[in-house]
């Protein structure tokens, strides 16, 4: 394969969609190749865009054959860093933090949640998603002991900045932020914001548009003979 180019965020998003769909619906032992046209149909994308995305990670398909499934999966895993395990801590043992800690599907992408923290005395000591909820006082020592580099924030807005500062101070390099605030962070730290209310507003916008437009006309019923 040729040298891998730098990948922008939109390409990353599409690559993970390819990886998930192929991993979920293709059997490499039974299927040796997949075409860009097939992926395009399944994911409602343009097949030329798929070929460009795969070329960006060093893959070139074969005419009338497509792409080798194993090579596609391996190349995406290499490009996205899915070939190793990354340890993470979760701050906030509420419903969202508990759901993230309990979700087993992250393991297939190499995410290993090693600790769950909260400052609520009523939650400390509870077992959630295989993790005993620990007090925030243990945060720095656990991050350093586990060599963790990824922090997941599900705390209320008023606590997000102070919790983020503590994570960064302990050595966290990447933050997955579910709190509804913008976090100021140094250049050596990457932050991914998940704005659930933005996604909700987008859903409402399209729902409002769809409901304001008349539904498409169905096929005309055949005339009945008398």
C-alpha atoms as a PDB file:
ATOM      1  CA  UNK A   1       0.000   0.000   0.000  1.00  0.00           C
ATOM      2  CA  UNK A   2       1.154   3.570  -0.638  1.00  0.00           C
ATOM      3  CA  UNK A   3       1.911   6.112   2.045  1.00  0.00           C
ATOM      4  CA  UNK A   4      -1.171   7.101   4.029  1.00  0.00           C
ATOM      5  CA  UNK A   5      -2.250  10.721   3.616  1.00  0.00           C
ATOM      6  CA  UNK A   6      -3.384  12.971   6.442  1.00  0.00           C
ATOM      7  CA  UNK A   7      -7.084  12.294   7.004  1.00  0.00           C
ATOM      8  CA  UNK A   8      -9.620  15.048   7.588  1.00  0.00           C
ATOM      9  CA  UNK A   9     -12.558  14.701   9.965  1.00  0.00           C
ATOM     10  CA  UNK A  10     -15.215  14.041   7.327  1.00  0.00           C
ATOM     11  CA  UNK A  11     -13.127  11.246   5.839  1.00  0.00           C
ATOM     12  CA  UNK A  12     -12.593   9.802   9.313  1.00  0.00           C
ATOM     13  CA  UNK A  13     -16.347   9.757   9.883  1.00  0.00           C
ATOM     14  CA  UNK A  14     -16.932   7.897   6.630  1.00  0.00           C
ATOM     15  CA  UNK A  15     -14.092   5.431   7.218  1.00  0.00           C
ATOM     16  CA  UNK A  16     -15.555   4.380  10.539  1.00  0.00           C
ATOM     17  CA  UNK A  17     -18.920   3.849   8.798  1.00  0.00           C
ATOM     18  CA  UNK A  18     -17.244   1.581   6.239  1.00  0.00           C
ATOM     19  CA  UNK A  19     -15.444  -0.304   8.983  1.00  0.00           C
ATOM     20  CA  UNK A  20     -18.574  -0.785  11.060  1.00  0.00           C
ATOM     21  CA  UNK A  21     -20.731  -1.924   8.145  1.00  0.00           C
ATOM     22  CA  UNK A  22     -18.140  -4.370   6.774  1.00  0.00           C
ATOM     23  CA  UNK A  23     -17.413  -5.751  10.253  1.00  0.00           C
ATOM     24  CA  UNK A  24     -21.118  -6.159  10.979  1.00  0.00           C
ATOM     25  CA  UNK A  25     -22.432  -7.509   7.687  1.00  0.00           C
ATOM     26  CA  UNK A  26     -19.558  -9.125   5.791  1.00  0.00           C
ATOM     27  CA  UNK A  27     -17.997 -12.512   6.419  1.00  0.00           C
ATOM     28  CA  UNK A  28     -14.366 -12.442   5.206  1.00  0.00           C
ATOM     29  CA  UNK A  29     -14.298 -16.238   5.115  1.00  0.00           C
ATOM     30  CA  UNK A  30     -17.188 -16.286   2.625  1.00  0.00           C
ATOM     31  CA  UNK A  31     -16.646 -12.976   0.797  1.00  0.00           C
ATOM     32  CA  UNK A  32     -13.246 -11.954  -0.513  1.00  0.00           C
ATOM     33  CA  UNK A  33     -14.111  -8.609  -2.096  1.00  0.00           C
ATOM     34  CA  UNK A  34     -16.516  -5.712  -1.855  1.00  0.00           C
ATOM     35  CA  UNK A  35     -17.117  -3.002  -4.448  1.00  0.00           C
ATOM     36  CA  UNK A  36     -17.403   0.730  -3.882  1.00  0.00           C
ATOM     37  CA  UNK A  37     -20.789   0.553  -5.605  1.00  0.00           C
ATOM     38  CA  UNK A  38     -22.046  -1.963  -3.032  1.00  0.00           C
ATOM     39  CA  UNK A  39     -20.850   0.164  -0.119  1.00  0.00           C
ATOM     40  CA  UNK A  40     -22.402   3.226  -1.758  1.00  0.00           C
ATOM     41  CA  UNK A  41     -25.801   1.503  -1.999  1.00  0.00           C
ATOM     42  CA  UNK A  42     -25.719   0.279   1.584  1.00  0.00           C
ATOM     43  CA  UNK A  43     -24.558   3.571   3.113  1.00  0.00           C
ATOM     44  CA  UNK A  44     -26.271   6.028   0.720  1.00  0.00           C
ATOM     45  CA  UNK A  45     -22.960   7.536  -0.375  1.00  0.00           C
ATOM     46  CA  UNK A  46     -21.283   8.297  -3.688  1.00  0.00           C
ATOM     47  CA  UNK A  47     -19.090   5.450  -4.904  1.00  0.00           C
ATOM     48  CA  UNK A  48     -16.422   7.824  -6.236  1.00  0.00           C
ATOM     49  CA  UNK A  49     -16.142   9.352  -2.746  1.00  0.00           C
ATOM     50  CA  UNK A  50     -15.667   5.890  -1.271  1.00  0.00           C
ATOM     51  CA  UNK A  51     -12.830   5.193  -3.713  1.00  0.00           C
ATOM     52  CA  UNK A  52     -11.183   8.508  -2.770  1.00  0.00           C
ATOM     53  CA  UNK A  53     -11.503   7.723   0.940  1.00  0.00           C
ATOM     54  CA  UNK A  54      -9.958   4.289   0.546  1.00  0.00           C
ATOM     55  CA  UNK A  55      -7.197   5.708  -1.652  1.00  0.00           C
ATOM     56  CA  UNK A  56      -6.390   8.131   1.195  1.00  0.00           C
ATOM     57  CA  UNK A  57      -5.433   5.153   3.358  1.00  0.00           C
ATOM     58  CA  UNK A  58      -3.444   3.481   0.607  1.00  0.00           C
ATOM     59  CA  UNK A  59      -6.036   1.171  -0.956  1.00  0.00           C
ATOM     60  CA  UNK A  60      -6.748   0.723  -4.649  1.00  0.00           C
ATOM     61  CA  UNK A  61      -9.537  -1.496  -5.914  1.00  0.00           C
ATOM     62  CA  UNK A  62      -9.350  -3.904  -8.826  1.00  0.00           C
ATOM     63  CA  UNK A  63     -11.508  -3.393 -11.893  1.00  0.00           C
ATOM     64  CA  UNK A  64     -14.618  -5.623 -11.921  1.00  0.00           C
ATOM     65  CA  UNK A  65     -13.545  -7.081  -8.566  1.00  0.00           C
ATOM     66  CA  UNK A  66     -13.525  -4.307  -5.973  1.00  0.00           C
ATOM     67  CA  UNK A  67     -11.564  -4.153  -2.733  1.00  0.00           C
ATOM     68  CA  UNK A  68     -10.257  -7.071  -0.726  1.00  0.00           C
ATOM     69  CA  UNK A  69     -12.346  -7.113   2.469  1.00  0.00           C
ATOM     70  CA  UNK A  70      -9.486  -8.086   4.764  1.00  0.00           C
ATOM     71  CA  UNK A  71      -7.279  -5.345   3.327  1.00  0.00           C
ATOM     72  CA  UNK A  72     -10.018  -2.748   3.801  1.00  0.00           C
ATOM     73  CA  UNK A  73     -10.583  -3.731   7.434  1.00  0.00           C
ATOM     74  CA  UNK A  74      -6.854  -3.875   8.198  1.00  0.00           C
ATOM     75  CA  UNK A  75      -6.129  -0.550   6.484  1.00  0.00           C
ATOM     76  CA  UNK A  76      -8.925   1.260   8.326  1.00  0.00           C
ATOM     77  CA  UNK A  77      -7.821  -0.236  11.640  1.00  0.00           C
ATOM     78  CA  UNK A  78      -4.279   0.990  11.005  1.00  0.00           C
ATOM     79  CA  UNK A  79      -5.363   4.457   9.860  1.00  0.00           C
ATOM     80  CA  UNK A  80      -7.758   5.006  12.768  1.00  0.00           C
ATOM     81  CA  UNK A  81      -5.525   3.486  15.417  1.00  0.00           C
ATOM     82  CA  UNK A  82      -7.855   0.574  16.133  1.00  0.00           C
ATOM     83  CA  UNK A  83      -5.017  -1.931  16.351  1.00  0.00           C
ATOM     84  CA  UNK A  84      -4.326  -1.175  20.008  1.00  0.00           C
ATOM     85  CA  UNK A  85      -6.276  -0.704  23.232  1.00  0.00           C
ATOM     86  CA  UNK A  86      -6.826   2.739  24.741  1.00  0.00           C
ATOM     87  CA  UNK A  87      -7.672   3.152  28.407  1.00  0.00           C
ATOM     88  CA  UNK A  88     -10.265   5.717  29.443  1.00  0.00           C
ATOM     89  CA  UNK A  89     -11.807   7.101  32.616  1.00  0.00           C
ATOM     90  CA  UNK A  90     -15.360   8.404  32.903  1.00  0.00           C
ATOM     91  CA  UNK A  91     -16.219  11.401  35.070  1.00  0.00           C
ATOM     92  CA  UNK A  92     -19.862  11.440  36.075  1.00  0.00           C
ATOM     93  CA  UNK A  93     -21.736   8.333  37.218  1.00  0.00           C
ATOM     94  CA  UNK A  94     -25.181   9.602  36.253  1.00  0.00           C
ATOM     95  CA  UNK A  95     -27.390   7.945  33.664  1.00  0.00           C
ATOM     96  CA  UNK A  96     -25.216   8.939  30.698  1.00  0.00           C
ATOM     97  CA  UNK A  97     -21.911   8.123  32.369  1.00  0.00           C
ATOM     98  CA  UNK A  98     -23.336   4.851  33.626  1.00  0.00           C
ATOM     99  CA  UNK A  99     -24.614   3.948  30.162  1.00  0.00           C
ATOM    100  CA  UNK A 100     -21.223   4.666  28.578  1.00  0.00           C
ATOM    101  CA  UNK A 101     -19.425   2.635  31.240  1.00  0.00           C
ATOM    102  CA  UNK A 102     -21.852  -0.261  30.754  1.00  0.00           C
ATOM    103  CA  UNK A 103     -21.726  -0.379  26.960  1.00  0.00           C
ATOM    104  CA  UNK A 104     -19.705  -3.389  25.849  1.00  0.00           C
ATOM    105  CA  UNK A 105     -19.576  -2.390  22.193  1.00  0.00           C
ATOM    106  CA  UNK A 106     -16.680   0.021  22.741  1.00  0.00           C
ATOM    107  CA  UNK A 107     -14.298  -2.900  23.232  1.00  0.00           C
ATOM    108  CA  UNK A 108     -14.427  -3.829  19.539  1.00  0.00           C
ATOM    109  CA  UNK A 109     -12.941  -0.424  18.766  1.00  0.00           C
ATOM    110  CA  UNK A 110     -10.204  -0.766  21.383  1.00  0.00           C
ATOM    111  CA  UNK A 111     -11.683   1.346  24.194  1.00  0.00           C
ATOM    112  CA  UNK A 112     -11.127   0.013  27.705  1.00  0.00           C
ATOM    113  CA  UNK A 113     -12.889   1.977  30.457  1.00  0.00           C
ATOM    114  CA  UNK A 114     -10.778   1.469  33.563  1.00  0.00           C
ATOM    115  CA  UNK A 115     -12.465   3.743  36.101  1.00  0.00           C
ATOM    116  CA  UNK A 116     -15.648   5.692  36.846  1.00  0.00           C
ATOM    117  CA  UNK A 117     -15.703   8.737  39.140  1.00  0.00           C
ATOM    118  CA  UNK A 118     -18.305  10.896  40.842  1.00  0.00           C
ATOM    119  CA  UNK A 119     -18.467  13.372  43.729  1.00  0.00           C
ATOM    120  CA  UNK A 120     -21.890  12.157  44.943  1.00  0.00           C
ATOM    121  CA  UNK A 121     -21.393  10.261  48.208  1.00  0.00           C
ATOM    122  CA  UNK A 122     -24.543   8.265  47.438  1.00  0.00           C
ATOM    123  CA  UNK A 123     -22.970   6.834  44.261  1.00  0.00           C
ATOM    124  CA  UNK A 124     -19.451   6.180  45.510  1.00  0.00           C
ATOM    125  CA  UNK A 125     -18.934   2.461  46.018  1.00  0.00           C
ATOM    126  CA  UNK A 126     -21.738   1.420  43.663  1.00  0.00           C
ATOM    127  CA  UNK A 127     -20.947  -1.067  40.892  1.00  0.00           C
ATOM    128  CA  UNK A 128     -21.871   0.366  37.473  1.00  0.00           C
ATOM    129  CA  UNK A 129     -20.863  -1.293  34.217  1.00  0.00           C
ATOM    130  CA  UNK A 130     -18.268  -3.425  35.920  1.00  0.00           C
ATOM    131  CA  UNK A 131     -16.673  -0.421  37.608  1.00  0.00           C
ATOM    132  CA  UNK A 132     -16.870   0.611  41.259  1.00  0.00           C
ATOM    133  CA  UNK A 133     -17.663   4.330  41.388  1.00  0.00           C
ATOM    134  CA  UNK A 134     -14.687   6.102  42.936  1.00  0.00           C
ATOM    135  CA  UNK A 135     -14.436   9.560  44.517  1.00  0.00           C
ATOM    136  CA  UNK A 136     -12.841  12.351  42.493  1.00  0.00           C
ATOM    137  CA  UNK A 137     -10.009  12.460  45.029  1.00  0.00           C
ATOM    138  CA  UNK A 138      -8.692   9.265  43.413  1.00  0.00           C
ATOM    139  CA  UNK A 139      -8.719  10.700  39.885  1.00  0.00           C
ATOM    140  CA  UNK A 140      -5.112  11.799  39.458  1.00  0.00           C
ATOM    141  CA  UNK A 141      -3.598   8.692  41.005  1.00  0.00           C
ATOM    142  CA  UNK A 142      -5.748   6.319  38.921  1.00  0.00           C
ATOM    143  CA  UNK A 143      -4.978   8.160  35.662  1.00  0.00           C
ATOM    144  CA  UNK A 144      -1.263   7.960  36.353  1.00  0.00           C
ATOM    145  CA  UNK A 145      -1.296   4.360  37.576  1.00  0.00           C
ATOM    146  CA  UNK A 146      -3.216   3.103  34.532  1.00  0.00           C
ATOM    147  CA  UNK A 147      -1.304   5.295  32.064  1.00  0.00           C
ATOM    148  CA  UNK A 148      -4.685   6.506  30.821  1.00  0.00           C
ATOM    149  CA  UNK A 149      -4.753   9.143  28.072  1.00  0.00           C
ATOM    150  CA  UNK A 150      -8.473   9.497  27.354  1.00  0.00           C
ATOM    151  CA  UNK A 151     -11.102  11.116  29.567  1.00  0.00           C
ATOM    152  CA  UNK A 152     -14.877  11.031  29.081  1.00  0.00           C
ATOM    153  CA  UNK A 153     -16.820  13.902  30.651  1.00  0.00           C
ATOM    154  CA  UNK A 154     -20.510  13.429  31.491  1.00  0.00           C
ATOM    155  CA  UNK A 155     -20.634  15.888  34.392  1.00  0.00           C
ATOM    156  CA  UNK A 156     -22.997  18.893  34.709  1.00  0.00           C
ATOM    157  CA  UNK A 157     -21.992  22.123  32.985  1.00  0.00           C
ATOM    158  CA  UNK A 158     -20.881  23.831  36.186  1.00  0.00           C
ATOM    159  CA  UNK A 159     -18.349  21.078  36.915  1.00  0.00           C
ATOM    160  CA  UNK A 160     -17.062  20.469  33.379  1.00  0.00           C
ATOM    161  CA  UNK A 161     -14.211  22.983  33.264  1.00  0.00           C
ATOM    162  CA  UNK A 162     -12.732  22.101  36.632  1.00  0.00           C
ATOM    163  CA  UNK A 163     -12.978  18.368  35.859  1.00  0.00           C
ATOM    164  CA  UNK A 164     -11.358  18.893  32.468  1.00  0.00           C
ATOM    165  CA  UNK A 165      -8.510  20.829  34.079  1.00  0.00           C
ATOM    166  CA  UNK A 166      -7.933  18.009  36.543  1.00  0.00           C
ATOM    167  CA  UNK A 167      -7.887  15.409  33.771  1.00  0.00           C
ATOM    168  CA  UNK A 168      -5.431  17.414  31.674  1.00  0.00           C
ATOM    169  CA  UNK A 169      -3.255  18.041  34.711  1.00  0.00           C
ATOM    170  CA  UNK A 170      -3.148  14.295  35.376  1.00  0.00           C
ATOM    171  CA  UNK A 171      -1.901  13.595  31.846  1.00  0.00           C
ATOM    172  CA  UNK A 172      -5.057  13.089  29.777  1.00  0.00           C
ATOM    173  CA  UNK A 173      -4.415  13.969  26.111  1.00  0.00           C
ATOM    174  CA  UNK A 174      -7.890  13.463  24.604  1.00  0.00           C
ATOM    175  CA  UNK A 175     -11.269  14.493  26.037  1.00  0.00           C
ATOM    176  CA  UNK A 176     -14.646  13.185  24.906  1.00  0.00           C
ATOM    177  CA  UNK A 177     -16.921  15.905  26.203  1.00  0.00           C
ATOM    178  CA  UNK A 178     -20.653  15.264  26.688  1.00  0.00           C
ATOM    179  CA  UNK A 179     -21.074  18.322  28.921  1.00  0.00           C
ATOM    180  CA  UNK A 180     -22.942  21.255  27.337  1.00  0.00           C
ATOM    181  CA  UNK A 181     -20.027  23.711  27.625  1.00  0.00           C
ATOM    182  CA  UNK A 182     -17.090  24.738  25.486  1.00  0.00           C
ATOM    183  CA  UNK A 183     -13.808  23.691  27.064  1.00  0.00           C
ATOM    184  CA  UNK A 184     -10.689  25.829  26.744  1.00  0.00           C
ATOM    185  CA  UNK A 185      -7.724  23.527  26.441  1.00  0.00           C
ATOM    186  CA  UNK A 186      -4.023  23.623  25.561  1.00  0.00           C
ATOM    187  CA  UNK A 187      -2.877  22.816  22.034  1.00  0.00           C
ATOM    188  CA  UNK A 188      -1.492  19.415  23.007  1.00  0.00           C
ATOM    189  CA  UNK A 189      -4.975  18.227  24.054  1.00  0.00           C
ATOM    190  CA  UNK A 190      -7.718  17.218  21.599  1.00  0.00           C
ATOM    191  CA  UNK A 191     -11.373  17.669  22.584  1.00  0.00           C
ATOM    192  CA  UNK A 192     -14.328  16.031  20.851  1.00  0.00           C
ATOM    193  CA  UNK A 193     -17.617  17.700  21.812  1.00  0.00           C
ATOM    194  CA  UNK A 194     -20.844  15.731  21.662  1.00  0.00           C
ATOM    195  CA  UNK A 195     -23.618  18.287  21.646  1.00  0.00           C
ATOM    196  CA  UNK A 196     -26.723  16.193  22.216  1.00  0.00           C
ATOM    197  CA  UNK A 197     -28.978  19.248  22.182  1.00  0.00           C
ATOM    198  CA  UNK A 198     -27.572  20.256  18.768  1.00  0.00           C
ATOM    199  CA  UNK A 199     -28.410  16.812  17.410  1.00  0.00           C
ATOM    200  CA  UNK A 200     -31.880  17.106  18.938  1.00  0.00           C
ATOM    201  CA  UNK A 201     -32.406  20.527  17.354  1.00  0.00           C
ATOM    202  CA  UNK A 202     -31.393  19.078  13.981  1.00  0.00           C
ATOM    203  CA  UNK A 203     -33.925  16.272  14.371  1.00  0.00           C
ATOM    204  CA  UNK A 204     -36.661  18.752  15.296  1.00  0.00           C
ATOM    205  CA  UNK A 205     -35.755  20.935  12.308  1.00  0.00           C
ATOM    206  CA  UNK A 206     -36.141  18.092   9.825  1.00  0.00           C
ATOM    207  CA  UNK A 207     -39.236  16.757  11.570  1.00  0.00           C
ATOM    208  CA  UNK A 208     -40.829  20.192  11.280  1.00  0.00           C
ATOM    209  CA  UNK A 209     -39.927  20.386   7.592  1.00  0.00           C
ATOM    210  CA  UNK A 210     -41.255  16.913   6.869  1.00  0.00           C
ATOM    211  CA  UNK A 211     -44.519  17.564   8.659  1.00  0.00           C
ATOM    212  CA  UNK A 212     -45.029  20.894   6.881  1.00  0.00           C
ATOM    213  CA  UNK A 213     -44.621  19.260   3.455  1.00  0.00           C
ATOM    214  CA  UNK A 214     -47.417  17.102   2.011  1.00  0.00           C
ATOM    215  CA  UNK A 215     -46.586  13.394   2.018  1.00  0.00           C
ATOM    216  CA  UNK A 216     -45.582  11.958  -1.357  1.00  0.00           C
ATOM    217  CA  UNK A 217     -48.443  10.642  -3.387  1.00  0.00           C
ATOM    218  CA  UNK A 218     -48.751   6.879  -3.401  1.00  0.00           C
ATOM    219  CA  UNK A 219     -49.270   4.799  -6.513  1.00  0.00           C
ATOM    220  CA  UNK A 220     -52.616   5.357  -8.142  1.00  0.00           C
ATOM    221  CA  UNK A 221     -55.139   2.610  -7.493  1.00  0.00           C
ATOM    222  CA  UNK A 222     -56.163   0.683 -10.614  1.00  0.00           C
ATOM    223  CA  UNK A 223     -59.614   1.459 -11.898  1.00  0.00           C
ATOM    224  CA  UNK A 224     -62.228  -1.082 -10.862  1.00  0.00           C
ATOM    225  CA  UNK A 225     -64.510  -2.589 -13.471  1.00  0.00           C
ATOM    226  CA  UNK A 226     -68.246  -2.477 -12.843  1.00  0.00           C
END
